[in-house]
């Protein structure tokens, strides 16, 4: 392969990687301009290396390198994926890195127009589908769609009734077959005479109504000054 052709293919991979990475950097994502450019350039370089090594011999298959790139880029994508409770973050960025590798591999194989079209489609997906995704994300979640939920339940009371409140809270959780206790702790609330009981309750399906009924029951117990609950995480089917 002539050095001029090598340079053109690599340069196209760099430019297209910059195009994809610019959009990610503009959105302030963890894998931005440099990451996507390097992924695209590196993928192109590996394909070019394979092509150069197999051009003068009948032994070898350049397409095998593309397959190894697909496998190897998965480890890089895994580095930007983070799990926070039921929420998984970074999947979109990881998918973009994977697509950048495909663009680089196309450019390295000499399919410059195909690589350009792919890069443009990737950027358009981010710009066009992002507002639509945000709109869908604002749709209220129906209770029947919730597979699991994590609730935070807080009760503030006088210190002398703290143990009684803890027992009642455990009874409430045990009575509900689809609830389980994940964490239960008591902390001083402003003074030793007051206490705050905080519980993390795991639920199979949505149980907002059960939480509200429990809050109403605890509110009327003598010694209880405050009851509140909130949804920490939801996981849908």
C-alpha atoms as a PDB file:
ATOM      1  CA  UNK A   1       0.000   0.000   0.000  1.00  0.00           C
ATOM      2  CA  UNK A   2       1.359   3.412  -0.961  1.00  0.00           C
ATOM      3  CA  UNK A   3       2.034   5.825   1.873  1.00  0.00           C
ATOM      4  CA  UNK A   4      -0.271   8.385   0.264  1.00  0.00           C
ATOM      5  CA  UNK A   5      -3.226   5.998   0.380  1.00  0.00           C
ATOM      6  CA  UNK A   6      -2.356   5.042   3.958  1.00  0.00           C
ATOM      7  CA  UNK A   7      -2.329   8.708   4.980  1.00  0.00           C
ATOM      8  CA  UNK A   8      -5.630   9.484   3.250  1.00  0.00           C
ATOM      9  CA  UNK A   9      -7.456   6.607   4.942  1.00  0.00           C
ATOM     10  CA  UNK A  10      -6.028   7.468   8.342  1.00  0.00           C
ATOM     11  CA  UNK A  11      -6.836  11.159   7.885  1.00  0.00           C
ATOM     12  CA  UNK A  12     -10.449  10.364   6.990  1.00  0.00           C
ATOM     13  CA  UNK A  13     -10.708   8.259  10.159  1.00  0.00           C
ATOM     14  CA  UNK A  14      -9.328  11.164  12.196  1.00  0.00           C
ATOM     15  CA  UNK A  15     -11.721  13.728  10.693  1.00  0.00           C
ATOM     16  CA  UNK A  16     -14.755  11.506  11.150  1.00  0.00           C
ATOM     17  CA  UNK A  17     -13.694  10.678  14.706  1.00  0.00           C
ATOM     18  CA  UNK A  18     -13.457  14.395  15.434  1.00  0.00           C
ATOM     19  CA  UNK A  19     -16.951  14.879  13.991  1.00  0.00           C
ATOM     20  CA  UNK A  20     -18.455  12.262  16.296  1.00  0.00           C
ATOM     21  CA  UNK A  21     -16.369  13.311  19.302  1.00  0.00           C
ATOM     22  CA  UNK A  22     -17.284  16.987  18.919  1.00  0.00           C
ATOM     23  CA  UNK A  23     -20.969  16.198  19.443  1.00  0.00           C
ATOM     24  CA  UNK A  24     -20.146  14.126  22.546  1.00  0.00           C
ATOM     25  CA  UNK A  25     -17.875  16.845  23.936  1.00  0.00           C
ATOM     26  CA  UNK A  26     -20.550  19.448  23.288  1.00  0.00           C
ATOM     27  CA  UNK A  27     -22.906  17.377  25.454  1.00  0.00           C
ATOM     28  CA  UNK A  28     -20.213  17.183  28.152  1.00  0.00           C
ATOM     29  CA  UNK A  29     -20.032  13.381  28.041  1.00  0.00           C
ATOM     30  CA  UNK A  30     -17.236  11.382  29.648  1.00  0.00           C
ATOM     31  CA  UNK A  31     -15.943  10.075  26.308  1.00  0.00           C
ATOM     32  CA  UNK A  32     -15.680  13.161  24.148  1.00  0.00           C
ATOM     33  CA  UNK A  33     -13.546  14.629  21.396  1.00  0.00           C
ATOM     34  CA  UNK A  34     -10.217  12.914  22.018  1.00  0.00           C
ATOM     35  CA  UNK A  35     -11.634   9.522  23.004  1.00  0.00           C
ATOM     36  CA  UNK A  36     -13.784   9.082  19.914  1.00  0.00           C
ATOM     37  CA  UNK A  37     -11.031  10.423  17.653  1.00  0.00           C
ATOM     38  CA  UNK A  38      -8.495   8.010  19.116  1.00  0.00           C
ATOM     39  CA  UNK A  39     -10.903   5.081  18.838  1.00  0.00           C
ATOM     40  CA  UNK A  40     -11.620   5.849  15.192  1.00  0.00           C
ATOM     41  CA  UNK A  41      -7.939   6.412  14.375  1.00  0.00           C
ATOM     42  CA  UNK A  42      -6.792   3.309  16.225  1.00  0.00           C
ATOM     43  CA  UNK A  43      -9.376   1.111  14.518  1.00  0.00           C
ATOM     44  CA  UNK A  44      -8.300   2.424  11.134  1.00  0.00           C
ATOM     45  CA  UNK A  45      -4.640   1.848  11.987  1.00  0.00           C
ATOM     46  CA  UNK A  46      -5.264  -1.777  12.967  1.00  0.00           C
ATOM     47  CA  UNK A  47      -7.157  -2.469   9.748  1.00  0.00           C
ATOM     48  CA  UNK A  48      -4.421  -0.753   7.730  1.00  0.00           C
ATOM     49  CA  UNK A  49      -1.792  -2.824   9.532  1.00  0.00           C
ATOM     50  CA  UNK A  50      -3.654  -6.020   8.706  1.00  0.00           C
ATOM     51  CA  UNK A  51      -4.036  -4.981   5.073  1.00  0.00           C
ATOM     52  CA  UNK A  52      -0.347  -4.120   4.811  1.00  0.00           C
ATOM     53  CA  UNK A  53       0.791  -7.410   6.342  1.00  0.00           C
ATOM     54  CA  UNK A  54      -1.458  -9.573   4.150  1.00  0.00           C
ATOM     55  CA  UNK A  55      -1.069  -7.721   0.844  1.00  0.00           C
ATOM     56  CA  UNK A  56       2.173  -9.498  -0.039  1.00  0.00           C
ATOM     57  CA  UNK A  57       1.226 -12.966   1.172  1.00  0.00           C
ATOM     58  CA  UNK A  58      -1.627 -15.391   0.671  1.00  0.00           C
ATOM     59  CA  UNK A  59      -1.687 -16.150   4.397  1.00  0.00           C
ATOM     60  CA  UNK A  60      -3.909 -13.981   6.552  1.00  0.00           C
ATOM     61  CA  UNK A  61      -7.312 -12.368   6.497  1.00  0.00           C
ATOM     62  CA  UNK A  62      -7.689  -8.613   7.189  1.00  0.00           C
ATOM     63  CA  UNK A  63     -11.327  -9.091   8.164  1.00  0.00           C
ATOM     64  CA  UNK A  64     -10.226 -10.931  11.303  1.00  0.00           C
ATOM     65  CA  UNK A  65      -8.770  -7.704  12.679  1.00  0.00           C
ATOM     66  CA  UNK A  66     -12.150  -5.989  12.332  1.00  0.00           C
ATOM     67  CA  UNK A  67     -13.692  -8.783  14.376  1.00  0.00           C
ATOM     68  CA  UNK A  68     -11.064  -8.353  17.096  1.00  0.00           C
ATOM     69  CA  UNK A  69     -11.711  -4.602  17.160  1.00  0.00           C
ATOM     70  CA  UNK A  70     -15.396  -5.240  17.860  1.00  0.00           C
ATOM     71  CA  UNK A  71     -14.437  -7.479  20.785  1.00  0.00           C
ATOM     72  CA  UNK A  72     -11.692  -5.247  22.148  1.00  0.00           C
ATOM     73  CA  UNK A  73     -13.674  -2.032  22.046  1.00  0.00           C
ATOM     74  CA  UNK A  74     -16.153  -3.604  24.461  1.00  0.00           C
ATOM     75  CA  UNK A  75     -13.625  -3.318  27.283  1.00  0.00           C
ATOM     76  CA  UNK A  76     -13.215   0.385  26.590  1.00  0.00           C
ATOM     77  CA  UNK A  77     -16.972   0.888  26.493  1.00  0.00           C
ATOM     78  CA  UNK A  78     -17.364  -0.919  29.809  1.00  0.00           C
ATOM     79  CA  UNK A  79     -15.172   1.729  31.416  1.00  0.00           C
ATOM     80  CA  UNK A  80     -17.752   4.472  30.845  1.00  0.00           C
ATOM     81  CA  UNK A  81     -20.772   2.469  32.029  1.00  0.00           C
ATOM     82  CA  UNK A  82     -21.734   3.108  35.642  1.00  0.00           C
ATOM     83  CA  UNK A  83     -24.520   1.544  37.688  1.00  0.00           C
ATOM     84  CA  UNK A  84     -26.222   3.705  40.304  1.00  0.00           C
ATOM     85  CA  UNK A  85     -28.912   1.691  42.044  1.00  0.00           C
ATOM     86  CA  UNK A  86     -31.311   0.565  39.315  1.00  0.00           C
ATOM     87  CA  UNK A  87     -30.052   3.254  36.955  1.00  0.00           C
ATOM     88  CA  UNK A  88     -27.343   2.473  34.394  1.00  0.00           C
ATOM     89  CA  UNK A  89     -25.461   5.460  33.026  1.00  0.00           C
ATOM     90  CA  UNK A  90     -23.056   5.727  30.096  1.00  0.00           C
ATOM     91  CA  UNK A  91     -24.674   3.226  27.733  1.00  0.00           C
ATOM     92  CA  UNK A  92     -25.167   5.892  25.052  1.00  0.00           C
ATOM     93  CA  UNK A  93     -21.536   6.985  25.317  1.00  0.00           C
ATOM     94  CA  UNK A  94     -20.322   3.376  25.172  1.00  0.00           C
ATOM     95  CA  UNK A  95     -22.439   2.737  22.085  1.00  0.00           C
ATOM     96  CA  UNK A  96     -20.968   5.858  20.464  1.00  0.00           C
ATOM     97  CA  UNK A  97     -17.430   4.597  21.107  1.00  0.00           C
ATOM     98  CA  UNK A  98     -18.407   1.287  19.516  1.00  0.00           C
ATOM     99  CA  UNK A  99     -19.751   3.141  16.460  1.00  0.00           C
ATOM    100  CA  UNK A 100     -16.572   5.251  16.256  1.00  0.00           C
ATOM    101  CA  UNK A 101     -14.583   2.035  16.013  1.00  0.00           C
ATOM    102  CA  UNK A 102     -16.794   0.931  13.111  1.00  0.00           C
ATOM    103  CA  UNK A 103     -16.209   4.241  11.325  1.00  0.00           C
ATOM    104  CA  UNK A 104     -12.455   3.897  11.760  1.00  0.00           C
ATOM    105  CA  UNK A 105     -12.489   0.309  10.533  1.00  0.00           C
ATOM    106  CA  UNK A 106     -14.423   1.340   7.410  1.00  0.00           C
ATOM    107  CA  UNK A 107     -11.978   4.141   6.689  1.00  0.00           C
ATOM    108  CA  UNK A 108      -9.008   1.827   7.246  1.00  0.00           C
ATOM    109  CA  UNK A 109     -10.469  -0.685   4.800  1.00  0.00           C
ATOM    110  CA  UNK A 110     -10.692   2.020   2.150  1.00  0.00           C
ATOM    111  CA  UNK A 111     -14.463   2.390   2.279  1.00  0.00           C
ATOM    112  CA  UNK A 112     -14.230   6.142   2.687  1.00  0.00           C
ATOM    113  CA  UNK A 113     -17.723   7.064   1.475  1.00  0.00           C
ATOM    114  CA  UNK A 114     -19.262   4.345   3.624  1.00  0.00           C
ATOM    115  CA  UNK A 115     -17.311   5.587   6.635  1.00  0.00           C
ATOM    116  CA  UNK A 116     -18.449   9.165   6.007  1.00  0.00           C
ATOM    117  CA  UNK A 117     -22.099   8.167   5.683  1.00  0.00           C
ATOM    118  CA  UNK A 118     -21.874   6.118   8.893  1.00  0.00           C
ATOM    119  CA  UNK A 119     -20.332   9.011  10.832  1.00  0.00           C
ATOM    120  CA  UNK A 120     -23.002  11.433   9.609  1.00  0.00           C
ATOM    121  CA  UNK A 121     -25.752   8.982  10.571  1.00  0.00           C
ATOM    122  CA  UNK A 122     -24.261   8.605  14.076  1.00  0.00           C
ATOM    123  CA  UNK A 123     -24.223  12.367  14.613  1.00  0.00           C
ATOM    124  CA  UNK A 124     -27.750  12.734  13.231  1.00  0.00           C
ATOM    125  CA  UNK A 125     -28.976  10.034  15.616  1.00  0.00           C
ATOM    126  CA  UNK A 126     -27.684  12.067  18.551  1.00  0.00           C
ATOM    127  CA  UNK A 127     -29.111  15.378  17.348  1.00  0.00           C
ATOM    128  CA  UNK A 128     -32.449  14.174  15.980  1.00  0.00           C
ATOM    129  CA  UNK A 129     -33.388  11.417  18.411  1.00  0.00           C
ATOM    130  CA  UNK A 130     -32.182  13.114  21.590  1.00  0.00           C
ATOM    131  CA  UNK A 131     -35.141  15.576  21.848  1.00  0.00           C
ATOM    132  CA  UNK A 132     -37.542  12.733  21.050  1.00  0.00           C
ATOM    133  CA  UNK A 133     -35.924  10.583  23.746  1.00  0.00           C
ATOM    134  CA  UNK A 134     -36.199  13.405  26.287  1.00  0.00           C
ATOM    135  CA  UNK A 135     -39.889  13.786  25.425  1.00  0.00           C
ATOM    136  CA  UNK A 136     -40.526  10.072  25.931  1.00  0.00           C
ATOM    137  CA  UNK A 137     -38.527  10.133  29.158  1.00  0.00           C
ATOM    138  CA  UNK A 138     -40.929  12.680  30.618  1.00  0.00           C
ATOM    139  CA  UNK A 139     -43.883  10.342  30.143  1.00  0.00           C
ATOM    140  CA  UNK A 140     -45.319   9.365  33.536  1.00  0.00           C
ATOM    141  CA  UNK A 141     -44.519   5.783  34.493  1.00  0.00           C
ATOM    142  CA  UNK A 142     -47.584   3.624  35.064  1.00  0.00           C
ATOM    143  CA  UNK A 143     -47.522   1.421  38.153  1.00  0.00           C
ATOM    144  CA  UNK A 144     -48.055  -1.718  36.073  1.00  0.00           C
ATOM    145  CA  UNK A 145     -44.858  -0.933  34.152  1.00  0.00           C
ATOM    146  CA  UNK A 146     -42.678  -0.845  37.275  1.00  0.00           C
ATOM    147  CA  UNK A 147     -40.801  -4.102  37.863  1.00  0.00           C
ATOM    148  CA  UNK A 148     -38.940  -3.018  41.014  1.00  0.00           C
ATOM    149  CA  UNK A 149     -38.716   0.070  43.169  1.00  0.00           C
ATOM    150  CA  UNK A 150     -36.654   1.320  46.088  1.00  0.00           C
ATOM    151  CA  UNK A 151     -38.373   3.567  48.647  1.00  0.00           C
ATOM    152  CA  UNK A 152     -36.897   5.707  51.395  1.00  0.00           C
ATOM    153  CA  UNK A 153     -39.169   5.927  54.446  1.00  0.00           C
ATOM    154  CA  UNK A 154     -38.416   8.434  57.249  1.00  0.00           C
ATOM    155  CA  UNK A 155     -40.108   8.820  60.642  1.00  0.00           C
ATOM    156  CA  UNK A 156     -39.199  11.459  63.234  1.00  0.00           C
ATOM    157  CA  UNK A 157     -40.394  10.871  66.758  1.00  0.00           C
ATOM    158  CA  UNK A 158     -39.621  11.269  70.449  1.00  0.00           C
ATOM    159  CA  UNK A 159     -36.830   9.076  71.729  1.00  0.00           C
ATOM    160  CA  UNK A 160     -39.040   7.176  74.181  1.00  0.00           C
ATOM    161  CA  UNK A 161     -41.235   5.757  71.383  1.00  0.00           C
ATOM    162  CA  UNK A 162     -38.401   4.983  68.969  1.00  0.00           C
ATOM    163  CA  UNK A 163     -38.253   1.238  69.652  1.00  0.00           C
ATOM    164  CA  UNK A 164     -42.021   0.942  69.371  1.00  0.00           C
ATOM    165  CA  UNK A 165     -41.978   2.718  66.002  1.00  0.00           C
ATOM    166  CA  UNK A 166     -39.202   0.448  64.717  1.00  0.00           C
ATOM    167  CA  UNK A 167     -41.243  -2.627  65.646  1.00  0.00           C
ATOM    168  CA  UNK A 168     -44.339  -1.278  63.910  1.00  0.00           C
ATOM    169  CA  UNK A 169     -42.340  -0.448  60.803  1.00  0.00           C
ATOM    170  CA  UNK A 170     -40.927  -3.966  60.631  1.00  0.00           C
ATOM    171  CA  UNK A 171     -44.415  -5.389  61.077  1.00  0.00           C
ATOM    172  CA  UNK A 172     -45.702  -3.276  58.195  1.00  0.00           C
ATOM    173  CA  UNK A 173     -42.908  -4.499  55.900  1.00  0.00           C
ATOM    174  CA  UNK A 174     -43.428  -8.146  56.863  1.00  0.00           C
ATOM    175  CA  UNK A 175     -47.183  -7.918  56.295  1.00  0.00           C
ATOM    176  CA  UNK A 176     -46.654  -6.783  52.722  1.00  0.00           C
ATOM    177  CA  UNK A 177     -45.533  -9.828  50.758  1.00  0.00           C
ATOM    178  CA  UNK A 178     -43.745  -7.868  48.038  1.00  0.00           C
ATOM    179  CA  UNK A 179     -41.702  -5.619  50.365  1.00  0.00           C
ATOM    180  CA  UNK A 180     -38.316  -6.296  51.920  1.00  0.00           C
ATOM    181  CA  UNK A 181     -36.103  -4.215  54.184  1.00  0.00           C
ATOM    182  CA  UNK A 182     -32.736  -3.158  52.768  1.00  0.00           C
ATOM    183  CA  UNK A 183     -31.578  -0.748  55.479  1.00  0.00           C
ATOM    184  CA  UNK A 184     -32.884   0.502  58.830  1.00  0.00           C
ATOM    185  CA  UNK A 185     -31.118   3.034  61.022  1.00  0.00           C
ATOM    186  CA  UNK A 186     -31.862   5.553  63.766  1.00  0.00           C
ATOM    187  CA  UNK A 187     -30.128   8.888  64.213  1.00  0.00           C
ATOM    188  CA  UNK A 188     -30.445  11.705  66.714  1.00  0.00           C
ATOM    189  CA  UNK A 189     -32.768  14.402  65.431  1.00  0.00           C
ATOM    190  CA  UNK A 190     -31.538  17.781  66.709  1.00  0.00           C
ATOM    191  CA  UNK A 191     -31.416  16.564  70.333  1.00  0.00           C
ATOM    192  CA  UNK A 192     -31.096  13.284  72.290  1.00  0.00           C
ATOM    193  CA  UNK A 193     -34.814  13.550  73.143  1.00  0.00           C
ATOM    194  CA  UNK A 194     -35.736  13.166  69.456  1.00  0.00           C
ATOM    195  CA  UNK A 195     -34.904  10.447  66.965  1.00  0.00           C
ATOM    196  CA  UNK A 196     -35.175   9.901  63.234  1.00  0.00           C
ATOM    197  CA  UNK A 197     -35.761   6.432  61.800  1.00  0.00           C
ATOM    198  CA  UNK A 198     -34.758   5.936  58.174  1.00  0.00           C
ATOM    199  CA  UNK A 199     -35.500   2.779  56.197  1.00  0.00           C
ATOM    200  CA  UNK A 200     -34.740   1.716  52.622  1.00  0.00           C
ATOM    201  CA  UNK A 201     -37.534  -0.571  51.455  1.00  0.00           C
ATOM    202  CA  UNK A 202     -37.236  -2.713  48.332  1.00  0.00           C
ATOM    203  CA  UNK A 203     -40.469  -3.422  46.468  1.00  0.00           C
ATOM    204  CA  UNK A 204     -41.410  -5.858  43.730  1.00  0.00           C
ATOM    205  CA  UNK A 205     -43.600  -3.671  41.552  1.00  0.00           C
ATOM    206  CA  UNK A 206     -44.912  -0.231  42.481  1.00  0.00           C
ATOM    207  CA  UNK A 207     -46.276   0.197  46.024  1.00  0.00           C
ATOM    208  CA  UNK A 208     -46.881   3.935  46.248  1.00  0.00           C
ATOM    209  CA  UNK A 209     -50.348   3.392  47.684  1.00  0.00           C
ATOM    210  CA  UNK A 210     -49.052   1.096  50.425  1.00  0.00           C
ATOM    211  CA  UNK A 211     -46.383   3.651  51.348  1.00  0.00           C
ATOM    212  CA  UNK A 212     -48.941   6.424  51.596  1.00  0.00           C
ATOM    213  CA  UNK A 213     -51.231   4.305  53.787  1.00  0.00           C
ATOM    214  CA  UNK A 214     -48.328   3.445  56.080  1.00  0.00           C
ATOM    215  CA  UNK A 215     -47.359   7.111  56.344  1.00  0.00           C
ATOM    216  CA  UNK A 216     -50.940   7.976  57.322  1.00  0.00           C
ATOM    217  CA  UNK A 217     -50.935   5.312  60.032  1.00  0.00           C
ATOM    218  CA  UNK A 218     -47.635   6.411  61.557  1.00  0.00           C
ATOM    219  CA  UNK A 219     -48.657  10.080  61.518  1.00  0.00           C
ATOM    220  CA  UNK A 220     -51.430   9.541  64.105  1.00  0.00           C
ATOM    221  CA  UNK A 221     -49.233   7.575  66.539  1.00  0.00           C
ATOM    222  CA  UNK A 222     -48.483   9.620  69.696  1.00  0.00           C
ATOM    223  CA  UNK A 223     -44.905  10.814  69.767  1.00  0.00           C
ATOM    224  CA  UNK A 224     -44.472  10.891  65.987  1.00  0.00           C
ATOM    225  CA  UNK A 225     -43.742  14.377  64.667  1.00  0.00           C
ATOM    226  CA  UNK A 226     -42.957  13.768  61.008  1.00  0.00           C
ATOM    227  CA  UNK A 227     -43.452  10.999  58.416  1.00  0.00           C
ATOM    228  CA  UNK A 228     -42.296  11.091  54.796  1.00  0.00           C
ATOM    229  CA  UNK A 229     -41.422   8.721  51.972  1.00  0.00           C
ATOM    230  CA  UNK A 230     -39.902   9.067  48.542  1.00  0.00           C
ATOM    231  CA  UNK A 231     -39.030   6.937  45.560  1.00  0.00           C
ATOM    232  CA  UNK A 232     -35.287   6.560  45.208  1.00  0.00           C
ATOM    233  CA  UNK A 233     -35.181   4.309  42.159  1.00  0.00           C
ATOM    234  CA  UNK A 234     -37.588   2.670  39.726  1.00  0.00           C
ATOM    235  CA  UNK A 235     -36.883  -0.140  37.315  1.00  0.00           C
ATOM    236  CA  UNK A 236     -39.370  -0.772  34.530  1.00  0.00           C
ATOM    237  CA  UNK A 237     -39.968  -3.924  32.504  1.00  0.00           C
END
